[in-house]
Each structure stands twice: as structure tokens, then as C-alpha cells.
Amino acid sequence: MYAVIKDRGRQTGVRVGDLVTCDLNENWNAGDSVTFDEVLVLSNEGDVRVGTPSIDGASVTGEVVGDSKGPKEVVFRFKRRKNVRVKNGHRQRYTQVRITKIDA
């Protein structure tokens, strides 16, 4: 079974057992159960259901594994001949969720 879920504006295709990276949610702790109610597409052995925009009664359940960080992004600005140089770094934080069940 395959599903496409929407979590805070980001669409992700998932199967049972997949590890999904979502944007950080401070309210989720490791071991919590999370339900995604916005299911856009469901596919079960050739039977495909597409929602308008989401499928009523369908949900995807997952368990929060923990938090992680993305790769470091370096932001460097400068203005030539003005002695202006600014170097900043950023690492986006994510929450990892393992998909446990897909309900149609």
C-alpha cells in the first residue's frame, strides 16, 4: 500500500515502514504516535484513489523516532571594494517519523 500525505504544506509519498523527515514540531517527542489526516492519494495493488483535495476517512499513522539536523548551509554576502563581508551558517532541524499503518 502506498499513500501521499500532506504535512504543513509539504507532500510526501510513504509506505509502511518508511522513515519520513518532517519539519520540526516541538510538540512531538520520541515514541509519540502521530496521525496524518490529509491523505491525497491511496494506492493498493493497482486500485488508485485520488482525493479532491483529500480522501475522507483515510489516515496514516506513524511513530516519532526523534529529531535530526540537515546539512550545513553557508550563506556568504559581500560587496566588492567596500570591505563588507558577512558569513553565516544554518542547519535546518527536522523530526523523523516511522510510518506504522495506512488506513483507507
N, C-alpha and C. Protein backbone atom coordinates (compact mmCIF):
# COMPACT_ATOMS: atom_id res chain seq x y z
N MET A 1 0.84 -1.18 0.00
CA MET A 1 0.00 0.00 0.00
C MET A 1 0.89 1.24 0.00
N TYR A 2 0.47 2.24 -0.75
CA TYR A 2 1.22 3.46 -0.93
C TYR A 2 0.28 4.64 -0.73
N ALA A 3 0.78 5.71 -0.11
CA ALA A 3 -0.05 6.89 0.13
C ALA A 3 0.79 8.15 -0.05
N VAL A 4 0.13 9.22 -0.45
CA VAL A 4 0.76 10.54 -0.50
C VAL A 4 0.08 11.38 0.56
N ILE A 5 0.87 11.86 1.54
CA ILE A 5 0.32 12.64 2.64
C ILE A 5 0.78 14.08 2.51
N LYS A 6 0.04 14.97 3.18
CA LYS A 6 0.40 16.38 3.21
C LYS A 6 0.57 16.78 4.67
N ASP A 7 1.75 17.30 4.98
CA ASP A 7 2.04 17.73 6.34
C ASP A 7 2.55 19.16 6.30
N ARG A 8 1.72 20.10 6.73
CA ARG A 8 2.07 21.51 6.79
C ARG A 8 2.64 22.03 5.47
N GLY A 9 1.93 21.72 4.37
CA GLY A 9 2.31 22.27 3.07
C GLY A 9 3.30 21.45 2.28
N ARG A 10 3.81 20.35 2.83
CA ARG A 10 4.81 19.53 2.14
C ARG A 10 4.20 18.15 1.86
N GLN A 11 4.24 17.71 0.61
CA GLN A 11 3.68 16.41 0.23
C GLN A 11 4.78 15.36 0.21
N THR A 12 4.45 14.16 0.74
CA THR A 12 5.42 13.09 0.83
C THR A 12 4.75 11.76 0.49
N GLY A 13 5.39 10.96 -0.34
CA GLY A 13 4.91 9.62 -0.64
C GLY A 13 5.46 8.64 0.38
N VAL A 14 4.58 7.80 0.97
CA VAL A 14 5.02 6.91 2.05
C VAL A 14 4.48 5.50 1.85
N ARG A 15 5.18 4.54 2.43
CA ARG A 15 4.76 3.15 2.57
C ARG A 15 4.96 2.76 4.03
N VAL A 16 4.38 1.65 4.44
CA VAL A 16 4.55 1.18 5.81
C VAL A 16 6.01 0.81 6.02
N GLY A 17 6.59 1.31 7.11
CA GLY A 17 7.99 1.05 7.43
C GLY A 17 8.94 2.14 6.98
N ASP A 18 8.48 3.10 6.19
CA ASP A 18 9.34 4.18 5.72
C ASP A 18 9.69 5.14 6.84
N LEU A 19 10.86 5.75 6.75
CA LEU A 19 11.28 6.78 7.68
C LEU A 19 11.13 8.11 6.96
N VAL A 20 10.21 8.96 7.44
CA VAL A 20 9.85 10.21 6.79
C VAL A 20 10.45 11.36 7.58
N THR A 21 11.03 12.33 6.87
CA THR A 21 11.58 13.52 7.50
C THR A 21 10.59 14.66 7.35
N CYS A 22 10.05 15.15 8.48
CA CYS A 22 9.09 16.25 8.50
C CYS A 22 9.77 17.48 9.09
N ASP A 23 9.19 18.64 8.86
CA ASP A 23 9.69 19.85 9.51
C ASP A 23 9.54 19.69 11.02
N LEU A 24 10.43 20.34 11.75
CA LEU A 24 10.48 20.19 13.20
C LEU A 24 9.15 20.58 13.84
N ASN A 25 8.66 19.72 14.71
CA ASN A 25 7.48 20.01 15.52
C ASN A 25 7.89 19.83 16.98
N GLU A 26 7.96 20.91 17.72
CA GLU A 26 8.44 20.88 19.10
C GLU A 26 7.50 20.11 20.03
N ASN A 27 6.24 19.92 19.63
CA ASN A 27 5.27 19.23 20.47
C ASN A 27 5.39 17.72 20.38
N TRP A 28 6.09 17.19 19.37
CA TRP A 28 6.25 15.75 19.21
C TRP A 28 7.51 15.29 19.93
N ASN A 29 7.38 14.24 20.74
CA ASN A 29 8.52 13.66 21.43
C ASN A 29 8.77 12.25 20.90
N ALA A 30 9.97 11.73 21.11
CA ALA A 30 10.30 10.39 20.64
C ALA A 30 9.36 9.37 21.27
N GLY A 31 8.80 8.49 20.45
CA GLY A 31 7.87 7.47 20.92
C GLY A 31 6.41 7.84 20.80
N ASP A 32 6.10 9.10 20.52
CA ASP A 32 4.71 9.53 20.36
C ASP A 32 4.12 8.97 19.07
N SER A 33 2.81 8.77 19.07
CA SER A 33 2.10 8.35 17.88
C SER A 33 1.52 9.59 17.19
N VAL A 34 1.71 9.67 15.87
CA VAL A 34 1.29 10.83 15.11
C VAL A 34 0.37 10.36 13.99
N THR A 35 -0.73 11.09 13.76
CA THR A 35 -1.67 10.75 12.70
C THR A 35 -1.71 11.87 11.67
N PHE A 36 -1.54 11.50 10.41
CA PHE A 36 -1.65 12.44 9.30
C PHE A 36 -3.01 12.21 8.65
N ASP A 37 -3.92 13.20 8.77
CA ASP A 37 -5.28 13.05 8.26
C ASP A 37 -5.44 13.50 6.82
N GLU A 38 -4.52 14.31 6.31
CA GLU A 38 -4.61 14.78 4.94
C GLU A 38 -3.91 13.81 4.01
N VAL A 39 -4.67 12.82 3.50
CA VAL A 39 -4.14 11.84 2.56
C VAL A 39 -4.65 12.22 1.18
N LEU A 40 -3.74 12.49 0.25
CA LEU A 40 -4.10 12.97 -1.08
C LEU A 40 -4.32 11.84 -2.08
N VAL A 41 -3.50 10.77 -1.99
CA VAL A 41 -3.59 9.64 -2.93
C VAL A 41 -3.39 8.35 -2.15
N LEU A 42 -4.20 7.33 -2.47
CA LEU A 42 -4.04 5.99 -1.90
C LEU A 42 -3.93 5.00 -3.04
N SER A 43 -2.97 4.10 -2.97
CA SER A 43 -2.80 3.07 -3.98
C SER A 43 -2.66 1.73 -3.28
N ASN A 44 -3.51 0.77 -3.66
CA ASN A 44 -3.48 -0.56 -3.06
C ASN A 44 -3.58 -1.60 -4.17
N GLU A 45 -2.44 -2.15 -4.58
CA GLU A 45 -2.37 -3.21 -5.58
C GLU A 45 -3.13 -2.85 -6.86
N GLY A 46 -2.86 -1.70 -7.42
CA GLY A 46 -3.47 -1.30 -8.68
C GLY A 46 -4.74 -0.47 -8.53
N ASP A 47 -5.36 -0.49 -7.35
CA ASP A 47 -6.55 0.32 -7.09
C ASP A 47 -6.09 1.68 -6.56
N VAL A 48 -6.25 2.72 -7.37
CA VAL A 48 -5.77 4.05 -7.01
C VAL A 48 -6.96 4.95 -6.71
N ARG A 49 -6.91 5.61 -5.54
CA ARG A 49 -7.93 6.59 -5.17
C ARG A 49 -7.26 7.95 -5.03
N VAL A 50 -7.82 8.94 -5.71
CA VAL A 50 -7.29 10.30 -5.66
C VAL A 50 -8.32 11.18 -4.98
N GLY A 51 -7.90 11.96 -3.99
CA GLY A 51 -8.80 12.83 -3.26
C GLY A 51 -9.01 14.16 -3.95
N THR A 52 -10.07 14.83 -3.55
CA THR A 52 -10.38 16.16 -4.09
C THR A 52 -10.61 17.13 -2.94
N PRO A 53 -9.70 17.70 -2.28
CA PRO A 53 -8.27 17.53 -2.36
C PRO A 53 -7.74 16.37 -1.52
N SER A 54 -8.50 15.92 -0.51
CA SER A 54 -8.03 14.79 0.30
C SER A 54 -9.12 13.72 0.37
N ILE A 55 -8.72 12.52 0.77
CA ILE A 55 -9.63 11.39 0.83
C ILE A 55 -10.28 11.36 2.21
N ASP A 56 -11.62 11.34 2.24
CA ASP A 56 -12.34 11.31 3.51
C ASP A 56 -12.16 9.95 4.19
N GLY A 57 -11.87 9.97 5.49
CA GLY A 57 -11.75 8.75 6.27
C GLY A 57 -10.40 8.07 6.19
N ALA A 58 -9.51 8.53 5.33
CA ALA A 58 -8.19 7.93 5.21
C ALA A 58 -7.21 8.63 6.14
N SER A 59 -6.29 7.85 6.71
CA SER A 59 -5.28 8.43 7.60
C SER A 59 -4.03 7.56 7.57
N VAL A 60 -2.92 8.18 7.93
CA VAL A 60 -1.64 7.49 8.02
C VAL A 60 -1.11 7.72 9.42
N THR A 61 -0.71 6.63 10.08
CA THR A 61 -0.22 6.70 11.45
C THR A 61 1.27 6.41 11.47
N GLY A 62 1.99 7.14 12.30
CA GLY A 62 3.43 6.94 12.41
C GLY A 62 3.89 7.14 13.84
N GLU A 63 5.12 6.72 14.09
CA GLU A 63 5.71 6.86 15.41
C GLU A 63 6.94 7.76 15.29
N VAL A 64 7.03 8.73 16.18
CA VAL A 64 8.15 9.68 16.15
C VAL A 64 9.41 8.97 16.62
N VAL A 65 10.45 9.02 15.77
CA VAL A 65 11.73 8.40 16.10
C VAL A 65 12.61 9.38 16.85
N GLY A 66 12.65 10.63 16.40
CA GLY A 66 13.47 11.64 17.07
C GLY A 66 13.71 12.83 16.16
N ASP A 67 14.60 13.70 16.59
CA ASP A 67 14.94 14.90 15.83
C ASP A 67 16.27 14.67 15.09
N SER A 68 16.46 15.42 14.03
CA SER A 68 17.72 15.37 13.30
C SER A 68 17.99 16.75 12.71
N LYS A 69 19.18 16.91 12.16
CA LYS A 69 19.56 18.16 11.52
C LYS A 69 19.95 17.89 10.08
N GLY A 70 19.64 18.84 9.23
CA GLY A 70 20.02 18.75 7.83
C GLY A 70 21.47 19.18 7.64
N PRO A 71 21.93 19.22 6.39
CA PRO A 71 23.30 19.65 6.13
C PRO A 71 23.49 21.14 6.41
N LYS A 72 24.72 21.51 6.71
CA LYS A 72 25.01 22.91 6.99
C LYS A 72 25.02 23.70 5.69
N GLU A 73 24.30 24.79 5.68
CA GLU A 73 24.26 25.70 4.54
C GLU A 73 25.07 26.94 4.92
N VAL A 74 25.99 27.33 4.06
CA VAL A 74 26.81 28.51 4.30
C VAL A 74 26.26 29.66 3.46
N VAL A 75 25.97 30.77 4.12
CA VAL A 75 25.46 31.97 3.46
C VAL A 75 26.56 33.03 3.53
N PHE A 76 27.06 33.46 2.36
CA PHE A 76 28.16 34.42 2.32
C PHE A 76 27.77 35.59 1.45
N ARG A 77 27.77 36.80 2.03
CA ARG A 77 27.47 38.02 1.29
C ARG A 77 28.70 38.90 1.29
N PHE A 78 28.88 39.61 0.22
CA PHE A 78 29.94 40.61 0.22
C PHE A 78 29.63 41.69 -0.81
N LYS A 79 30.22 42.85 -0.56
CA LYS A 79 30.14 43.95 -1.52
C LYS A 79 31.57 44.27 -1.93
N ARG A 80 31.81 44.24 -3.20
CA ARG A 80 33.18 44.42 -3.66
C ARG A 80 33.64 45.86 -3.42
N ARG A 81 34.90 45.97 -3.08
CA ARG A 81 35.60 47.24 -2.84
C ARG A 81 35.03 48.03 -1.66
N LYS A 82 34.18 47.44 -0.85
CA LYS A 82 33.59 48.17 0.28
C LYS A 82 34.00 47.57 1.63
N ASN A 83 34.82 46.50 1.59
CA ASN A 83 35.25 45.81 2.82
C ASN A 83 34.05 45.31 3.63
N VAL A 84 33.02 44.81 2.94
CA VAL A 84 31.85 44.25 3.60
C VAL A 84 31.80 42.77 3.29
N ARG A 85 31.96 41.95 4.34
CA ARG A 85 31.89 40.51 4.18
C ARG A 85 31.14 39.93 5.37
N VAL A 86 30.09 39.13 5.09
CA VAL A 86 29.29 38.52 6.15
C VAL A 86 29.15 37.04 5.84
N LYS A 87 29.57 36.20 6.78
CA LYS A 87 29.46 34.75 6.59
C LYS A 87 28.60 34.19 7.72
N ASN A 88 27.50 33.54 7.35
CA ASN A 88 26.60 32.92 8.32
C ASN A 88 26.38 31.47 7.92
N GLY A 89 26.00 30.64 8.90
CA GLY A 89 25.67 29.25 8.64
C GLY A 89 24.29 28.94 9.17
N HIS A 90 23.68 27.88 8.61
CA HIS A 90 22.35 27.48 9.03
C HIS A 90 22.21 25.97 8.91
N ARG A 91 21.62 25.33 9.91
CA ARG A 91 21.28 23.91 9.83
C ARG A 91 19.81 23.77 10.20
N GLN A 92 19.01 23.29 9.25
CA GLN A 92 17.57 23.11 9.47
C GLN A 92 17.35 21.90 10.36
N ARG A 93 16.43 22.00 11.30
CA ARG A 93 16.09 20.89 12.19
C ARG A 93 14.84 20.18 11.67
N TYR A 94 14.84 18.86 11.77
CA TYR A 94 13.75 18.03 11.28
C TYR A 94 13.30 17.04 12.36
N THR A 95 12.09 16.50 12.19
CA THR A 95 11.58 15.43 13.02
C THR A 95 11.43 14.20 12.13
N GLN A 96 11.94 13.06 12.59
CA GLN A 96 11.84 11.83 11.83
C GLN A 96 10.69 10.97 12.36
N VAL A 97 9.85 10.48 11.42
CA VAL A 97 8.67 9.69 11.76
C VAL A 97 8.72 8.39 10.98
N ARG A 98 8.54 7.25 11.67
CA ARG A 98 8.45 5.96 11.00
C ARG A 98 6.98 5.61 10.81
N ILE A 99 6.59 5.32 9.57
CA ILE A 99 5.19 5.03 9.23
C ILE A 99 4.86 3.62 9.69
N THR A 100 3.78 3.50 10.48
CA THR A 100 3.39 2.20 11.02
C THR A 100 2.12 1.63 10.41
N LYS A 101 1.19 2.51 9.98
CA LYS A 101 -0.09 2.00 9.48
C LYS A 101 -0.70 2.98 8.50
N ILE A 102 -1.33 2.44 7.44
CA ILE A 102 -2.07 3.24 6.48
C ILE A 102 -3.50 2.73 6.47
N ASP A 103 -4.45 3.59 6.87
CA ASP A 103 -5.88 3.24 6.90
C ASP A 103 -6.58 3.83 5.70
N ALA A 104 -7.38 3.02 5.02
CA ALA A 104 -8.09 3.50 3.83
C ALA A 104 -9.45 4.02 4.20
